[in-house]
Amino acid sequence: MESVNINNLNKIFDHRIRVGIMSALSVNDFLSFNDLKDLLQLTDGNLASHLKNLEENEYILVKKGFIGRKTNTTYSITKKGSQAFQKHLEALEKIIRQLK
């Protein structure tokens, strides 16, 4: 069996929650914190820590606003994030094809 190269996988996307966030933001222009929390069935703290990681790596953009008097934070994927996630998926697909 031929060896596979896992070095092209992005370590930031090692966690399933970050893959879920990036997948959701890849197919939506933006999502609110509550949208992501409901979609991925996560707690506030768990979601917030992974969003912070993605934000620090400039993979997502955070916009804080208000709806009436309530805060409304939305998230969208950046061009850098989109490119990095696509590259990660391509590397994963390549590994899968090699192992078939």
N, C-alpha and C. Protein backbone atom coordinates (compact mmCIF):
# COMPACT_ATOMS: atom_id res chain seq x y z
N MET A 1 0.84 -1.18 0.00
CA MET A 1 0.00 0.00 0.00
C MET A 1 0.89 1.25 0.00
N GLU A 2 0.52 2.22 -0.82
CA GLU A 2 1.27 3.47 -0.94
C GLU A 2 1.02 4.35 0.29
N SER A 3 2.06 5.03 0.76
CA SER A 3 1.88 5.94 1.91
C SER A 3 1.13 7.19 1.47
N VAL A 4 0.47 7.83 2.40
CA VAL A 4 -0.29 9.05 2.10
C VAL A 4 0.36 10.23 2.81
N ASN A 5 0.21 11.40 2.21
CA ASN A 5 0.78 12.63 2.76
C ASN A 5 -0.31 13.38 3.51
N ILE A 6 -0.18 13.43 4.82
CA ILE A 6 -1.17 14.16 5.62
C ILE A 6 -0.70 15.57 5.96
N ASN A 7 0.47 15.95 5.47
CA ASN A 7 1.03 17.25 5.80
C ASN A 7 0.26 18.41 5.17
N ASN A 8 -0.54 18.15 4.16
CA ASN A 8 -1.31 19.23 3.53
C ASN A 8 -2.63 19.50 4.24
N LEU A 9 -2.94 18.68 5.26
CA LEU A 9 -4.15 18.95 6.04
C LEU A 9 -3.86 20.11 6.99
N ASN A 10 -4.82 21.01 7.15
CA ASN A 10 -4.67 22.19 7.99
C ASN A 10 -5.00 21.85 9.44
N LYS A 11 -4.05 22.00 10.34
CA LYS A 11 -4.26 21.63 11.75
C LYS A 11 -5.39 22.43 12.40
N ILE A 12 -5.66 23.61 11.92
CA ILE A 12 -6.74 24.42 12.50
C ILE A 12 -8.08 23.72 12.30
N PHE A 13 -8.20 22.93 11.27
CA PHE A 13 -9.45 22.23 10.99
C PHE A 13 -9.45 20.81 11.55
N ASP A 14 -8.53 20.51 12.46
CA ASP A 14 -8.50 19.19 13.07
C ASP A 14 -9.73 18.91 13.92
N HIS A 15 -10.31 19.95 14.49
CA HIS A 15 -11.44 19.75 15.39
C HIS A 15 -12.77 19.76 14.63
N ARG A 16 -13.63 18.82 14.99
CA ARG A 16 -14.91 18.67 14.28
C ARG A 16 -15.78 19.92 14.36
N ILE A 17 -15.70 20.67 15.44
CA ILE A 17 -16.51 21.87 15.56
C ILE A 17 -16.06 22.94 14.57
N ARG A 18 -14.76 23.07 14.40
CA ARG A 18 -14.25 24.06 13.44
C ARG A 18 -14.62 23.66 12.01
N VAL A 19 -14.61 22.37 11.73
CA VAL A 19 -15.05 21.91 10.40
C VAL A 19 -16.52 22.23 10.21
N GLY A 20 -17.32 22.03 11.25
CA GLY A 20 -18.75 22.35 11.18
C GLY A 20 -18.98 23.83 10.95
N ILE A 21 -18.25 24.67 11.68
CA ILE A 21 -18.40 26.12 11.52
C ILE A 21 -18.01 26.53 10.11
N MET A 22 -16.88 26.07 9.65
CA MET A 22 -16.40 26.46 8.32
C MET A 22 -17.34 25.94 7.23
N SER A 23 -17.87 24.75 7.41
CA SER A 23 -18.82 24.20 6.43
C SER A 23 -20.08 25.06 6.37
N ALA A 24 -20.59 25.41 7.54
CA ALA A 24 -21.81 26.23 7.59
C ALA A 24 -21.58 27.60 6.97
N LEU A 25 -20.43 28.19 7.27
CA LEU A 25 -20.16 29.53 6.74
C LEU A 25 -19.76 29.50 5.26
N SER A 26 -19.35 28.35 4.79
CA SER A 26 -19.00 28.22 3.36
C SER A 26 -20.23 28.30 2.46
N VAL A 27 -21.37 27.91 3.00
CA VAL A 27 -22.59 27.87 2.17
C VAL A 27 -23.61 28.93 2.57
N ASN A 28 -23.25 29.79 3.51
CA ASN A 28 -24.11 30.90 3.91
C ASN A 28 -23.29 32.19 3.90
N ASP A 29 -23.89 33.29 3.48
CA ASP A 29 -23.17 34.56 3.47
C ASP A 29 -22.73 34.95 4.88
N PHE A 30 -23.60 34.73 5.84
CA PHE A 30 -23.28 34.97 7.25
C PHE A 30 -24.27 34.21 8.11
N LEU A 31 -23.88 33.95 9.35
CA LEU A 31 -24.76 33.31 10.32
C LEU A 31 -24.55 33.99 11.67
N SER A 32 -25.61 34.06 12.45
CA SER A 32 -25.50 34.63 13.79
C SER A 32 -24.93 33.56 14.74
N PHE A 33 -24.52 34.04 15.91
CA PHE A 33 -24.02 33.11 16.94
C PHE A 33 -25.08 32.07 17.26
N ASN A 34 -26.30 32.52 17.44
CA ASN A 34 -27.38 31.56 17.77
C ASN A 34 -27.70 30.60 16.63
N ASP A 35 -27.58 31.09 15.40
CA ASP A 35 -27.78 30.19 14.24
C ASP A 35 -26.75 29.06 14.29
N LEU A 36 -25.49 29.43 14.49
CA LEU A 36 -24.42 28.42 14.53
C LEU A 36 -24.61 27.48 15.73
N LYS A 37 -24.98 28.04 16.86
CA LYS A 37 -25.18 27.23 18.07
C LYS A 37 -26.29 26.21 17.85
N ASP A 38 -27.39 26.64 17.26
CA ASP A 38 -28.50 25.72 17.00
C ASP A 38 -28.15 24.70 15.92
N LEU A 39 -27.52 25.18 14.87
CA LEU A 39 -27.18 24.31 13.75
C LEU A 39 -26.23 23.19 14.18
N LEU A 40 -25.24 23.54 14.98
CA LEU A 40 -24.21 22.57 15.37
C LEU A 40 -24.49 21.93 16.74
N GLN A 41 -25.56 22.39 17.40
CA GLN A 41 -25.97 21.85 18.70
C GLN A 41 -24.83 21.91 19.71
N LEU A 42 -24.37 23.14 19.96
CA LEU A 42 -23.24 23.36 20.86
C LEU A 42 -23.66 24.27 22.01
N THR A 43 -22.84 24.26 23.05
CA THR A 43 -23.03 25.22 24.14
C THR A 43 -22.40 26.54 23.74
N ASP A 44 -22.78 27.62 24.45
CA ASP A 44 -22.21 28.94 24.16
C ASP A 44 -20.68 28.93 24.27
N GLY A 45 -20.19 28.38 25.39
CA GLY A 45 -18.75 28.41 25.64
C GLY A 45 -17.96 27.61 24.62
N ASN A 46 -18.48 26.46 24.27
CA ASN A 46 -17.78 25.61 23.31
C ASN A 46 -17.72 26.27 21.94
N LEU A 47 -18.84 26.82 21.50
CA LEU A 47 -18.86 27.50 20.21
C LEU A 47 -17.95 28.73 20.22
N ALA A 48 -18.03 29.52 21.29
CA ALA A 48 -17.25 30.75 21.37
C ALA A 48 -15.75 30.50 21.28
N SER A 49 -15.29 29.45 21.93
CA SER A 49 -13.84 29.20 21.91
C SER A 49 -13.36 28.83 20.51
N HIS A 50 -14.16 28.09 19.77
CA HIS A 50 -13.75 27.71 18.41
C HIS A 50 -13.90 28.88 17.44
N LEU A 51 -14.91 29.71 17.65
CA LEU A 51 -15.05 30.91 16.82
C LEU A 51 -13.86 31.84 17.03
N LYS A 52 -13.43 31.96 18.28
CA LYS A 52 -12.28 32.82 18.58
C LYS A 52 -11.03 32.32 17.88
N ASN A 53 -10.83 31.03 17.89
CA ASN A 53 -9.67 30.46 17.20
C ASN A 53 -9.70 30.78 15.72
N LEU A 54 -10.85 30.60 15.10
CA LEU A 54 -10.97 30.87 13.66
C LEU A 54 -10.82 32.36 13.37
N GLU A 55 -11.32 33.19 14.27
CA GLU A 55 -11.18 34.64 14.10
C GLU A 55 -9.72 35.06 14.22
N GLU A 56 -9.03 34.52 15.21
CA GLU A 56 -7.61 34.85 15.41
C GLU A 56 -6.76 34.45 14.21
N ASN A 57 -7.18 33.40 13.52
CA ASN A 57 -6.45 32.97 12.33
C ASN A 57 -6.95 33.66 11.06
N GLU A 58 -7.86 34.62 11.24
CA GLU A 58 -8.42 35.41 10.15
C GLU A 58 -9.17 34.56 9.12
N TYR A 59 -9.78 33.48 9.62
CA TYR A 59 -10.56 32.62 8.74
C TYR A 59 -12.03 33.02 8.73
N ILE A 60 -12.45 33.74 9.77
CA ILE A 60 -13.82 34.25 9.80
C ILE A 60 -13.80 35.72 10.20
N LEU A 61 -14.86 36.42 9.80
CA LEU A 61 -15.03 37.83 10.13
C LEU A 61 -16.20 37.96 11.09
N VAL A 62 -16.02 38.75 12.14
CA VAL A 62 -17.05 38.94 13.17
C VAL A 62 -17.61 40.35 13.05
N LYS A 63 -18.93 40.44 13.04
CA LYS A 63 -19.59 41.75 13.04
C LYS A 63 -20.55 41.80 14.21
N LYS A 64 -20.39 42.83 15.03
CA LYS A 64 -21.26 42.99 16.19
C LYS A 64 -22.25 44.11 15.91
N GLY A 65 -23.50 43.84 16.19
CA GLY A 65 -24.53 44.84 15.96
C GLY A 65 -25.67 44.64 16.94
N PHE A 66 -26.76 45.30 16.63
CA PHE A 66 -27.94 45.20 17.49
C PHE A 66 -29.17 44.95 16.63
N ILE A 67 -30.08 44.18 17.17
CA ILE A 67 -31.44 44.09 16.65
C ILE A 67 -32.32 44.61 17.76
N GLY A 68 -32.81 45.84 17.59
CA GLY A 68 -33.49 46.50 18.70
C GLY A 68 -32.48 46.77 19.80
N ARG A 69 -32.74 46.26 20.97
CA ARG A 69 -31.81 46.44 22.10
C ARG A 69 -30.94 45.22 22.33
N LYS A 70 -31.19 44.17 21.58
CA LYS A 70 -30.44 42.92 21.77
C LYS A 70 -29.21 42.90 20.86
N THR A 71 -28.10 42.43 21.41
CA THR A 71 -26.88 42.31 20.60
C THR A 71 -27.06 41.20 19.57
N ASN A 72 -26.47 41.41 18.44
CA ASN A 72 -26.52 40.42 17.36
C ASN A 72 -25.13 40.33 16.73
N THR A 73 -24.47 39.22 16.98
CA THR A 73 -23.14 39.00 16.42
C THR A 73 -23.26 38.03 15.26
N THR A 74 -22.70 38.42 14.13
CA THR A 74 -22.75 37.55 12.96
C THR A 74 -21.33 37.20 12.52
N TYR A 75 -21.23 36.09 11.82
CA TYR A 75 -19.95 35.56 11.38
C TYR A 75 -20.03 35.25 9.89
N SER A 76 -18.95 35.53 9.20
CA SER A 76 -18.85 35.17 7.79
C SER A 76 -17.44 34.67 7.53
N ILE A 77 -17.30 33.94 6.48
CA ILE A 77 -15.99 33.37 6.13
C ILE A 77 -15.20 34.42 5.35
N THR A 78 -13.91 34.52 5.62
CA THR A 78 -13.05 35.45 4.88
C THR A 78 -12.51 34.75 3.63
N LYS A 79 -11.95 35.51 2.74
CA LYS A 79 -11.34 34.92 1.54
C LYS A 79 -10.21 33.98 1.96
N LYS A 80 -9.41 34.40 2.94
CA LYS A 80 -8.32 33.57 3.44
C LYS A 80 -8.88 32.26 4.02
N GLY A 81 -9.97 32.36 4.77
CA GLY A 81 -10.60 31.19 5.36
C GLY A 81 -11.17 30.25 4.31
N SER A 82 -11.81 30.83 3.32
CA SER A 82 -12.39 30.03 2.25
C SER A 82 -11.30 29.26 1.49
N GLN A 83 -10.21 29.95 1.19
CA GLN A 83 -9.11 29.30 0.47
C GLN A 83 -8.47 28.20 1.32
N ALA A 84 -8.26 28.47 2.60
CA ALA A 84 -7.64 27.49 3.49
C ALA A 84 -8.54 26.27 3.66
N PHE A 85 -9.84 26.49 3.80
CA PHE A 85 -10.77 25.37 3.98
C PHE A 85 -10.87 24.54 2.71
N GLN A 86 -10.91 25.20 1.57
CA GLN A 86 -10.95 24.48 0.30
C GLN A 86 -9.68 23.64 0.11
N LYS A 87 -8.54 24.21 0.45
CA LYS A 87 -7.27 23.48 0.33
C LYS A 87 -7.27 22.27 1.27
N HIS A 88 -7.81 22.44 2.46
CA HIS A 88 -7.91 21.34 3.42
C HIS A 88 -8.79 20.22 2.86
N LEU A 89 -9.94 20.59 2.31
CA LEU A 89 -10.85 19.58 1.75
C LEU A 89 -10.22 18.85 0.57
N GLU A 90 -9.50 19.59 -0.25
CA GLU A 90 -8.83 18.95 -1.39
C GLU A 90 -7.77 17.96 -0.91
N ALA A 91 -7.03 18.33 0.13
CA ALA A 91 -6.01 17.42 0.68
C ALA A 91 -6.67 16.17 1.25
N LEU A 92 -7.80 16.35 1.91
CA LEU A 92 -8.53 15.22 2.47
C LEU A 92 -9.06 14.30 1.37
N GLU A 93 -9.61 14.91 0.31
CA GLU A 93 -10.11 14.12 -0.82
C GLU A 93 -8.98 13.33 -1.48
N LYS A 94 -7.81 13.96 -1.58
CA LYS A 94 -6.65 13.29 -2.18
C LYS A 94 -6.26 12.06 -1.37
N ILE A 95 -6.26 12.20 -0.07
CA ILE A 95 -5.93 11.07 0.81
C ILE A 95 -6.95 9.95 0.61
N ILE A 96 -8.21 10.30 0.57
CA ILE A 96 -9.27 9.29 0.41
C ILE A 96 -9.11 8.57 -0.93
N ARG A 97 -8.84 9.33 -1.99
CA ARG A 97 -8.65 8.71 -3.32
C ARG A 97 -7.47 7.76 -3.32
N GLN A 98 -6.39 8.15 -2.63
CA GLN A 98 -5.21 7.30 -2.57
C GLN A 98 -5.49 5.99 -1.83
N LEU A 99 -6.38 6.03 -0.88
CA LEU A 99 -6.64 4.84 -0.06
C LEU A 99 -7.70 3.92 -0.63
N LYS A 100 -8.35 4.33 -1.71
CA LYS A 100 -9.37 3.45 -2.33
C LYS A 100 -8.72 2.28 -3.02
